[in-house]
Amino acid sequence: MKKNGHILNQITFAADLPGEVMPTVPIIEIAGCNRVLIERHCGVTEYSCCKICVKVVYGSISIVGKKLELTRMSKEQLIITGVVQSVTLIK
C-alpha cells in the first residue's frame, strides 16, 4: 500500500492535480477562530478543553485554544469548536 501511495503522489504531482484528490491526504478547514473541520483523520490522540491532537497519515494536527470541544466525530471527519488560537501540523 505504501508503494501504491507513493505512485499516486507522483501521478498527482505530475498531473498538477490538487492534493485533495489523494484519498489519504487529510483536509483541514478552518472557519474563523471558532471551528476546525478535519477530514481523513486516523483518530484523536489527546483531548482536553485547551488542546486536541488528531492523528493523520503523515503526523498529527494539534489544535490549541479555549473551551475546545469535539462537536462531531465520524470515521470520515471530525469537527472541533471553541476559541481556536492555533492549528499546527506536526510531521
PDB file of N, CA and C in Angstrom:
ATOM      1  N   MET A   1       0.827  -1.208   0.000  1.00  0.00           N
ATOM      2  CA  MET A   1       0.000   0.000   0.000  1.00  0.00           C
ATOM      3  C   MET A   1       0.860   1.258   0.000  1.00  0.00           C
ATOM      4  N   LYS A   2       1.964   1.205   0.767  1.00  0.00           N
ATOM      5  CA  LYS A   2       2.830   2.369   0.826  1.00  0.00           C
ATOM      6  C   LYS A   2       3.406   2.688  -0.553  1.00  0.00           C
ATOM      7  N   LYS A   3       3.790   1.638  -1.299  1.00  0.00           N
ATOM      8  CA  LYS A   3       4.335   1.846  -2.631  1.00  0.00           C
ATOM      9  C   LYS A   3       3.276   2.440  -3.558  1.00  0.00           C
ATOM     10  N   ASN A   4       2.033   1.936  -3.468  1.00  0.00           N
ATOM     11  CA  ASN A   4       0.945   2.474  -4.276  1.00  0.00           C
ATOM     12  C   ASN A   4       0.684   3.934  -3.933  1.00  0.00           C
ATOM     13  N   GLY A   5       0.735   4.282  -2.651  1.00  0.00           N
ATOM     14  CA  GLY A   5       0.541   5.669  -2.231  1.00  0.00           C
ATOM     15  C   GLY A   5       1.611   6.570  -2.812  1.00  0.00           C
ATOM     16  N   HIS A   6       2.851   6.082  -2.857  1.00  0.00           N
ATOM     17  CA  HIS A   6       3.954   6.860  -3.426  1.00  0.00           C
ATOM     18  C   HIS A   6       3.722   7.098  -4.916  1.00  0.00           C
ATOM     19  N   ILE A   7       3.266   6.079  -5.619  1.00  0.00           N
ATOM     20  CA  ILE A   7       2.986   6.210  -7.055  1.00  0.00           C
ATOM     21  C   ILE A   7       1.852   7.205  -7.275  1.00  0.00           C
ATOM     22  N   LEU A   8       0.793   7.126  -6.448  1.00  0.00           N
ATOM     23  CA  LEU A   8      -0.311   8.078  -6.573  1.00  0.00           C
ATOM     24  C   LEU A   8       0.163   9.507  -6.334  1.00  0.00           C
ATOM     25  N   ASN A   9       1.047   9.707  -5.372  1.00  0.00           N
ATOM     26  CA  ASN A   9       1.610  11.039  -5.120  1.00  0.00           C
ATOM     27  C   ASN A   9       2.350  11.554  -6.345  1.00  0.00           C
ATOM     28  N   GLN A  10       3.144  10.696  -6.966  1.00  0.00           N
ATOM     29  CA  GLN A  10       3.900  11.097  -8.149  1.00  0.00           C
ATOM     30  C   GLN A  10       2.970  11.457  -9.311  1.00  0.00           C
ATOM     31  N   ILE A  11       1.920  10.661  -9.498  1.00  0.00           N
ATOM     32  CA  ILE A  11       0.965  10.936 -10.577  1.00  0.00           C
ATOM     33  C   ILE A  11       0.248  12.258 -10.312  1.00  0.00           C
ATOM     34  N   THR A  12      -0.184  12.464  -9.073  1.00  0.00           N
ATOM     35  CA  THR A  12      -0.881  13.699  -8.708  1.00  0.00           C
ATOM     36  C   THR A  12       0.012  14.905  -8.963  1.00  0.00           C
ATOM     37  N   PHE A  13       1.276  14.809  -8.566  1.00  0.00           N
ATOM     38  CA  PHE A  13       2.221  15.916  -8.765  1.00  0.00           C
ATOM     39  C   PHE A  13       2.471  16.150 -10.254  1.00  0.00           C
ATOM     40  N   ALA A  14       2.695  15.061 -11.000  1.00  0.00           N
ATOM     41  CA  ALA A  14       2.992  15.179 -12.431  1.00  0.00           C
ATOM     42  C   ALA A  14       1.806  15.749 -13.209  1.00  0.00           C
ATOM     43  N   ALA A  15       0.596  15.405 -12.788  1.00  0.00           N
ATOM     44  CA  ALA A  15      -0.598  15.889 -13.485  1.00  0.00           C
ATOM     45  C   ALA A  15      -1.033  17.258 -12.982  1.00  0.00           C
ATOM     46  N   ASP A  16      -0.297  17.799 -12.041  1.00  0.00           N
ATOM     47  CA  ASP A  16      -0.591  19.108 -11.460  1.00  0.00           C
ATOM     48  C   ASP A  16      -2.010  19.154 -10.874  1.00  0.00           C
ATOM     49  N   LEU A  17      -2.370  18.066 -10.173  1.00  0.00           N
ATOM     50  CA  LEU A  17      -3.679  17.986  -9.525  1.00  0.00           C
ATOM     51  C   LEU A  17      -3.570  18.469  -8.083  1.00  0.00           C
ATOM     52  N   PRO A  18      -4.647  18.997  -7.514  1.00  0.00           N
ATOM     53  CA  PRO A  18      -4.605  19.409  -6.109  1.00  0.00           C
ATOM     54  C   PRO A  18      -4.487  18.180  -5.203  1.00  0.00           C
ATOM     55  N   GLY A  19      -3.887  18.355  -4.049  1.00  0.00           N
ATOM     56  CA  GLY A  19      -3.692  17.262  -3.107  1.00  0.00           C
ATOM     57  C   GLY A  19      -4.973  16.654  -2.594  1.00  0.00           C
ATOM     58  N   GLU A  20      -6.082  17.389  -2.672  1.00  0.00           N
ATOM     59  CA  GLU A  20      -7.348  16.893  -2.150  1.00  0.00           C
ATOM     60  C   GLU A  20      -7.850  15.654  -2.878  1.00  0.00           C
ATOM     61  N   VAL A  21      -7.386  15.428  -4.110  1.00  0.00           N
ATOM     62  CA  VAL A  21      -7.844  14.260  -4.848  1.00  0.00           C
ATOM     63  C   VAL A  21      -7.211  12.973  -4.337  1.00  0.00           C
ATOM     64  N   MET A  22      -6.133  13.086  -3.589  1.00  0.00           N
ATOM     65  CA  MET A  22      -5.493  11.918  -2.993  1.00  0.00           C
ATOM     66  C   MET A  22      -6.354  11.407  -1.846  1.00  0.00           C
ATOM     67  N   PRO A  23      -6.680  10.121  -1.834  1.00  0.00           N
ATOM     68  CA  PRO A  23      -7.577   9.594  -0.804  1.00  0.00           C
ATOM     69  C   PRO A  23      -6.992   9.575   0.598  1.00  0.00           C
ATOM     70  N   THR A  24      -5.671   9.676   0.744  1.00  0.00           N
ATOM     71  CA  THR A  24      -5.064   9.624   2.076  1.00  0.00           C
ATOM     72  C   THR A  24      -4.687  10.995   2.625  1.00  0.00           C
ATOM     73  N   VAL A  25      -4.723  12.018   1.808  1.00  0.00           N
ATOM     74  CA  VAL A  25      -4.316  13.352   2.242  1.00  0.00           C
ATOM     75  C   VAL A  25      -5.430  13.974   3.094  1.00  0.00           C
ATOM     76  N   PRO A  26      -5.123  14.328   4.341  1.00  0.00           N
ATOM     77  CA  PRO A  26      -6.166  14.946   5.175  1.00  0.00           C
ATOM     78  C   PRO A  26      -6.516  16.344   4.672  1.00  0.00           C
ATOM     79  N   ILE A  27      -7.764  16.718   4.891  1.00  0.00           N
ATOM     80  CA  ILE A  27      -8.233  18.044   4.527  1.00  0.00           C
ATOM     81  C   ILE A  27      -8.573  18.771   5.820  1.00  0.00           C
ATOM     82  N   ILE A  28      -7.980  19.944   6.015  1.00  0.00           N
ATOM     83  CA  ILE A  28      -8.197  20.730   7.222  1.00  0.00           C
ATOM     84  C   ILE A  28      -8.834  22.045   6.807  1.00  0.00           C
ATOM     85  N   GLU A  29      -9.988  22.320   7.369  1.00  0.00           N
ATOM     86  CA  GLU A  29     -10.722  23.538   7.038  1.00  0.00           C
ATOM     87  C   GLU A  29     -10.919  24.336   8.331  1.00  0.00           C
ATOM     88  N   ILE A  30     -10.460  25.581   8.326  1.00  0.00           N
ATOM     89  CA  ILE A  30     -10.593  26.449   9.491  1.00  0.00           C
ATOM     90  C   ILE A  30     -11.616  27.529   9.155  1.00  0.00           C
ATOM     91  N   ALA A  31     -12.659  27.608   9.968  1.00  0.00           N
ATOM     92  CA  ALA A  31     -13.710  28.605   9.764  1.00  0.00           C
ATOM     93  C   ALA A  31     -13.599  29.648  10.875  1.00  0.00           C
ATOM     94  N   GLY A  32     -13.009  30.779  10.548  1.00  0.00           N
ATOM     95  CA  GLY A  32     -12.817  31.829  11.552  1.00  0.00           C
ATOM     96  C   GLY A  32     -11.930  31.333  12.675  1.00  0.00           C
ATOM     97  N   CYS A  33     -12.268  31.733  13.898  1.00  0.00           N
ATOM     98  CA  CYS A  33     -11.492  31.267  15.048  1.00  0.00           C
ATOM     99  C   CYS A  33     -12.351  30.387  15.958  1.00  0.00           C
ATOM    100  N   ASN A  34     -13.434  29.828  15.403  1.00  0.00           N
ATOM    101  CA  ASN A  34     -14.353  29.058  16.228  1.00  0.00           C
ATOM    102  C   ASN A  34     -14.590  27.623  15.786  1.00  0.00           C
ATOM    103  N   ARG A  35     -14.055  27.218  14.627  1.00  0.00           N
ATOM    104  CA  ARG A  35     -14.374  25.883  14.127  1.00  0.00           C
ATOM    105  C   ARG A  35     -13.251  25.339  13.259  1.00  0.00           C
ATOM    106  N   VAL A  36     -12.919  24.060  13.470  1.00  0.00           N
ATOM    107  CA  VAL A  36     -11.935  23.359  12.639  1.00  0.00           C
ATOM    108  C   VAL A  36     -12.560  22.041  12.196  1.00  0.00           C
ATOM    109  N   LEU A  37     -12.525  21.791  10.892  1.00  0.00           N
ATOM    110  CA  LEU A  37     -13.017  20.539  10.323  1.00  0.00           C
ATOM    111  C   LEU A  37     -11.813  19.770   9.783  1.00  0.00           C
ATOM    112  N   ILE A  38     -11.690  18.507  10.178  1.00  0.00           N
ATOM    113  CA  ILE A  38     -10.600  17.665   9.686  1.00  0.00           C
ATOM    114  C   ILE A  38     -11.220  16.427   9.050  1.00  0.00           C
ATOM    115  N   GLU A  39     -10.914  16.208   7.778  1.00  0.00           N
ATOM    116  CA  GLU A  39     -11.378  15.029   7.064  1.00  0.00           C
ATOM    117  C   GLU A  39     -10.202  14.088   6.849  1.00  0.00           C
ATOM    118  N   ARG A  40     -10.506  12.799   6.775  1.00  0.00           N
ATOM    119  CA  ARG A  40      -9.493  11.749   6.563  1.00  0.00           C
ATOM    120  C   ARG A  40      -8.516  11.667   7.730  1.00  0.00           C
ATOM    121  N   HIS A  41      -9.026  11.652   8.927  1.00  0.00           N
ATOM    122  CA  HIS A  41      -8.194  11.549  10.121  1.00  0.00           C
ATOM    123  C   HIS A  41      -8.021  10.090  10.523  1.00  0.00           C
ATOM    124  N   CYS A  42      -7.121   9.852  11.488  1.00  0.00           N
ATOM    125  CA  CYS A  42      -6.863   8.497  11.987  1.00  0.00           C
ATOM    126  C   CYS A  42      -7.181   8.381  13.484  1.00  0.00           C
ATOM    127  N   GLY A  43      -7.892   9.348  14.038  1.00  0.00           N
ATOM    128  CA  GLY A  43      -8.296   9.272  15.441  1.00  0.00           C
ATOM    129  C   GLY A  43      -7.725  10.402  16.282  1.00  0.00           C
ATOM    130  N   VAL A  44      -8.287  10.544  17.472  1.00  0.00           N
ATOM    131  CA  VAL A  44      -7.866  11.572  18.416  1.00  0.00           C
ATOM    132  C   VAL A  44      -6.849  10.959  19.378  1.00  0.00           C
ATOM    133  N   THR A  45      -5.719  11.630  19.581  1.00  0.00           N
ATOM    134  CA  THR A  45      -4.684  11.113  20.476  1.00  0.00           C
ATOM    135  C   THR A  45      -4.604  11.878  21.793  1.00  0.00           C
ATOM    136  N   GLU A  46      -5.115  13.104  21.815  1.00  0.00           N
ATOM    137  CA  GLU A  46      -5.117  13.911  23.041  1.00  0.00           C
ATOM    138  C   GLU A  46      -6.363  14.778  23.029  1.00  0.00           C
ATOM    139  N   TYR A  47      -7.000  14.875  24.212  1.00  0.00           N
ATOM    140  CA  TYR A  47      -8.247  15.646  24.274  1.00  0.00           C
ATOM    141  C   TYR A  47      -8.365  16.352  25.619  1.00  0.00           C
ATOM    142  N   SER A  48      -8.448  17.673  25.573  1.00  0.00           N
ATOM    143  CA  SER A  48      -8.739  18.472  26.760  1.00  0.00           C
ATOM    144  C   SER A  48      -9.446  19.739  26.292  1.00  0.00           C
ATOM    145  N   CYS A  49      -9.867  20.565  27.231  1.00  0.00           N
ATOM    146  CA  CYS A  49     -10.581  21.790  26.850  1.00  0.00           C
ATOM    147  C   CYS A  49      -9.647  22.832  26.242  1.00  0.00           C
ATOM    148  N   CYS A  50      -8.324  22.623  26.339  1.00  0.00           N
ATOM    149  CA  CYS A  50      -7.392  23.606  25.778  1.00  0.00           C
ATOM    150  C   CYS A  50      -6.481  23.038  24.680  1.00  0.00           C
ATOM    151  N   LYS A  51      -6.534  21.718  24.452  1.00  0.00           N
ATOM    152  CA  LYS A  51      -5.701  21.136  23.392  1.00  0.00           C
ATOM    153  C   LYS A  51      -6.316  19.829  22.898  1.00  0.00           C
ATOM    154  N   ILE A  52      -6.396  19.700  21.578  1.00  0.00           N
ATOM    155  CA  ILE A  52      -6.856  18.464  20.954  1.00  0.00           C
ATOM    156  C   ILE A  52      -5.842  18.089  19.877  1.00  0.00           C
ATOM    157  N   CYS A  53      -5.345  16.851  19.925  1.00  0.00           N
ATOM    158  CA  CYS A  53      -4.414  16.356  18.912  1.00  0.00           C
ATOM    159  C   CYS A  53      -5.097  15.250  18.114  1.00  0.00           C
ATOM    160  N   VAL A  54      -4.937  15.321  16.800  1.00  0.00           N
ATOM    161  CA  VAL A  54      -5.576  14.379  15.891  1.00  0.00           C
ATOM    162  C   VAL A  54      -4.495  13.732  15.039  1.00  0.00           C
ATOM    163  N   LYS A  55      -4.492  12.402  14.985  1.00  0.00           N
ATOM    164  CA  LYS A  55      -3.519  11.679  14.169  1.00  0.00           C
ATOM    165  C   LYS A  55      -3.981  11.703  12.714  1.00  0.00           C
ATOM    166  N   VAL A  56      -3.030  11.967  11.817  1.00  0.00           N
ATOM    167  CA  VAL A  56      -3.261  11.888  10.380  1.00  0.00           C
ATOM    168  C   VAL A  56      -2.180  10.992   9.784  1.00  0.00           C
ATOM    169  N   VAL A  57      -2.292  10.676   8.525  1.00  0.00           N
ATOM    170  CA  VAL A  57      -1.387   9.718   7.884  1.00  0.00           C
ATOM    171  C   VAL A  57       0.084  10.076   8.071  1.00  0.00           C
ATOM    172  N   TYR A  58       0.447  11.333   7.928  1.00  0.00           N
ATOM    173  CA  TYR A  58       1.861  11.714   7.955  1.00  0.00           C
ATOM    174  C   TYR A  58       2.262  12.481   9.212  1.00  0.00           C
ATOM    175  N   GLY A  59       1.526  12.350  10.293  1.00  0.00           N
ATOM    176  CA  GLY A  59       1.890  13.026  11.545  1.00  0.00           C
ATOM    177  C   GLY A  59       0.670  13.285  12.392  1.00  0.00           C
ATOM    178  N   SER A  60       0.596  14.490  12.952  1.00  0.00           N
ATOM    179  CA  SER A  60      -0.570  14.847  13.760  1.00  0.00           C
ATOM    180  C   SER A  60      -0.871  16.334  13.616  1.00  0.00           C
ATOM    181  N   ILE A  61      -2.093  16.675  13.975  1.00  0.00           N
ATOM    182  CA  ILE A  61      -2.534  18.054  13.947  1.00  0.00           C
ATOM    183  C   ILE A  61      -2.886  18.431  15.377  1.00  0.00           C
ATOM    184  N   SER A  62      -2.322  19.528  15.860  1.00  0.00           N
ATOM    185  CA  SER A  62      -2.566  19.995  17.213  1.00  0.00           C
ATOM    186  C   SER A  62      -3.385  21.278  17.158  1.00  0.00           C
ATOM    187  N   ILE A  63      -4.527  21.263  17.846  1.00  0.00           N
ATOM    188  CA  ILE A  63      -5.380  22.445  17.924  1.00  0.00           C
ATOM    189  C   ILE A  63      -5.329  22.939  19.359  1.00  0.00           C
ATOM    190  N   VAL A  64      -4.933  24.192  19.550  1.00  0.00           N
ATOM    191  CA  VAL A  64      -4.823  24.787  20.879  1.00  0.00           C
ATOM    192  C   VAL A  64      -5.807  25.948  20.962  1.00  0.00           C
ATOM    193  N   GLY A  65      -6.440  26.072  22.118  1.00  0.00           N
ATOM    194  CA  GLY A  65      -7.389  27.161  22.295  1.00  0.00           C
ATOM    195  C   GLY A  65      -8.056  27.097  23.653  1.00  0.00           C
ATOM    196  N   LYS A  66      -9.256  27.647  23.730  1.00  0.00           N
ATOM    197  CA  LYS A  66     -10.028  27.669  24.974  1.00  0.00           C
ATOM    198  C   LYS A  66     -11.410  27.085  24.710  1.00  0.00           C
ATOM    199  N   LYS A  67     -11.932  26.386  25.696  1.00  0.00           N
ATOM    200  CA  LYS A  67     -13.272  25.784  25.614  1.00  0.00           C
ATOM    201  C   LYS A  67     -13.438  24.928  24.365  1.00  0.00           C
ATOM    202  N   LEU A  68     -12.383  24.171  24.010  1.00  0.00           N
ATOM    203  CA  LEU A  68     -12.439  23.316  22.838  1.00  0.00           C
ATOM    204  C   LEU A  68     -13.326  22.100  23.104  1.00  0.00           C
ATOM    205  N   GLU A  69     -14.121  21.750  22.118  1.00  0.00           N
ATOM    206  CA  GLU A  69     -14.993  20.584  22.195  1.00  0.00           C
ATOM    207  C   GLU A  69     -14.941  19.830  20.879  1.00  0.00           C
ATOM    208  N   LEU A  70     -14.993  18.531  20.982  1.00  0.00           N
ATOM    209  CA  LEU A  70     -15.120  17.692  19.807  1.00  0.00           C
ATOM    210  C   LEU A  70     -16.618  17.570  19.543  1.00  0.00           C
ATOM    211  N   THR A  71     -17.124  18.421  18.663  1.00  0.00           N
ATOM    212  CA  THR A  71     -18.555  18.529  18.420  1.00  0.00           C
ATOM    213  C   THR A  71     -19.094  17.340  17.640  1.00  0.00           C
ATOM    214  N   ARG A  72     -18.325  16.878  16.669  1.00  0.00           N
ATOM    215  CA  ARG A  72     -18.768  15.757  15.839  1.00  0.00           C
ATOM    216  C   ARG A  72     -17.563  14.923  15.455  1.00  0.00           C
ATOM    217  N   MET A  73     -17.728  13.597  15.529  1.00  0.00           N
ATOM    218  CA  MET A  73     -16.660  12.712  15.092  1.00  0.00           C
ATOM    219  C   MET A  73     -17.270  11.498  14.404  1.00  0.00           C
ATOM    220  N   SER A  74     -16.830  11.278  13.190  1.00  0.00           N
ATOM    221  CA  SER A  74     -17.216  10.081  12.454  1.00  0.00           C
ATOM    222  C   SER A  74     -15.950   9.480  11.858  1.00  0.00           C
ATOM    223  N   LYS A  75     -16.107   8.392  11.162  1.00  0.00           N
ATOM    224  CA  LYS A  75     -14.968   7.744  10.526  1.00  0.00           C
ATOM    225  C   LYS A  75     -14.308   8.656   9.492  1.00  0.00           C
ATOM    226  N   GLU A  76     -15.115   9.497   8.844  1.00  0.00           N
ATOM    227  CA  GLU A  76     -14.616  10.348   7.772  1.00  0.00           C
ATOM    228  C   GLU A  76     -14.125  11.711   8.238  1.00  0.00           C
ATOM    229  N   GLN A  77     -14.777  12.299   9.245  1.00  0.00           N
ATOM    230  CA  GLN A  77     -14.420  13.663   9.627  1.00  0.00           C
ATOM    231  C   GLN A  77     -14.671  13.926  11.102  1.00  0.00           C
ATOM    232  N   LEU A  78     -14.058  14.996  11.581  1.00  0.00           N
ATOM    233  CA  LEU A  78     -14.356  15.470  12.925  1.00  0.00           C
ATOM    234  C   LEU A  78     -14.408  16.981  12.917  1.00  0.00           C
ATOM    235  N   ILE A  79     -15.221  17.529  13.825  1.00  0.00           N
ATOM    236  CA  ILE A  79     -15.392  18.973  13.934  1.00  0.00           C
ATOM    237  C   ILE A  79     -15.054  19.386  15.354  1.00  0.00           C
ATOM    238  N   ILE A  80     -14.175  20.365  15.466  1.00  0.00           N
ATOM    239  CA  ILE A  80     -13.764  20.913  16.761  1.00  0.00           C
ATOM    240  C   ILE A  80     -14.253  22.350  16.823  1.00  0.00           C
ATOM    241  N   THR A  81     -14.925  22.698  17.918  1.00  0.00           N
ATOM    242  CA  THR A  81     -15.399  24.064  18.110  1.00  0.00           C
ATOM    243  C   THR A  81     -14.831  24.627  19.402  1.00  0.00           C
ATOM    244  N   GLY A  82     -14.872  25.935  19.532  1.00  0.00           N
ATOM    245  CA  GLY A  82     -14.337  26.650  20.689  1.00  0.00           C
ATOM    246  C   GLY A  82     -13.569  27.866  20.204  1.00  0.00           C
ATOM    247  N   VAL A  83     -12.760  28.414  21.068  1.00  0.00           N
ATOM    248  CA  VAL A  83     -11.927  29.561  20.688  1.00  0.00           C
ATOM    249  C   VAL A  83     -10.571  28.996  20.235  1.00  0.00           C
ATOM    250  N   VAL A  84     -10.389  28.908  18.927  1.00  0.00           N
ATOM    251  CA  VAL A  84      -9.176  28.313  18.356  1.00  0.00           C
ATOM    252  C   VAL A  84      -8.078  29.374  18.297  1.00  0.00           C
ATOM    253  N   GLN A  85      -6.947  29.077  18.940  1.00  0.00           N
ATOM    254  CA  GLN A  85      -5.814  30.003  18.946  1.00  0.00           C
ATOM    255  C   GLN A  85      -4.721  29.591  17.962  1.00  0.00           C
ATOM    256  N   SER A  86      -4.558  28.275  17.763  1.00  0.00           N
ATOM    257  CA  SER A  86      -3.566  27.827  16.789  1.00  0.00           C
ATOM    258  C   SER A  86      -3.885  26.421  16.292  1.00  0.00           C
ATOM    259  N   VAL A  87      -3.490  26.180  15.053  1.00  0.00           N
ATOM    260  CA  VAL A  87      -3.579  24.851  14.440  1.00  0.00           C
ATOM    261  C   VAL A  87      -2.194  24.550  13.889  1.00  0.00           C
ATOM    262  N   THR A  88      -1.598  23.447  14.365  1.00  0.00           N
ATOM    263  CA  THR A  88      -0.227  23.140  14.000  1.00  0.00           C
ATOM    264  C   THR A  88      -0.135  21.728  13.411  1.00  0.00           C
ATOM    265  N   LEU A  89       0.565  21.603  12.293  1.00  0.00           N
ATOM    266  CA  LEU A  89       0.838  20.307  11.701  1.00  0.00           C
ATOM    267  C   LEU A  89       2.204  19.849  12.192  1.00  0.00           C
ATOM    268  N   ILE A  90       2.244  18.644  12.760  1.00  0.00           N
ATOM    269  CA  ILE A  90       3.499  18.077  13.252  1.00  0.00           C
ATOM    270  C   ILE A  90       3.798  16.846  12.413  1.00  0.00           C
ATOM    271  N   LYS A  91       4.860  16.929  11.603  1.00  0.00           N
ATOM    272  CA  LYS A  91       5.224  15.805  10.724  1.00  0.00           C
ATOM    273  C   LYS A  91       6.130  14.844  11.454  1.00  0.00           C
TER     274      LYS A  91
END
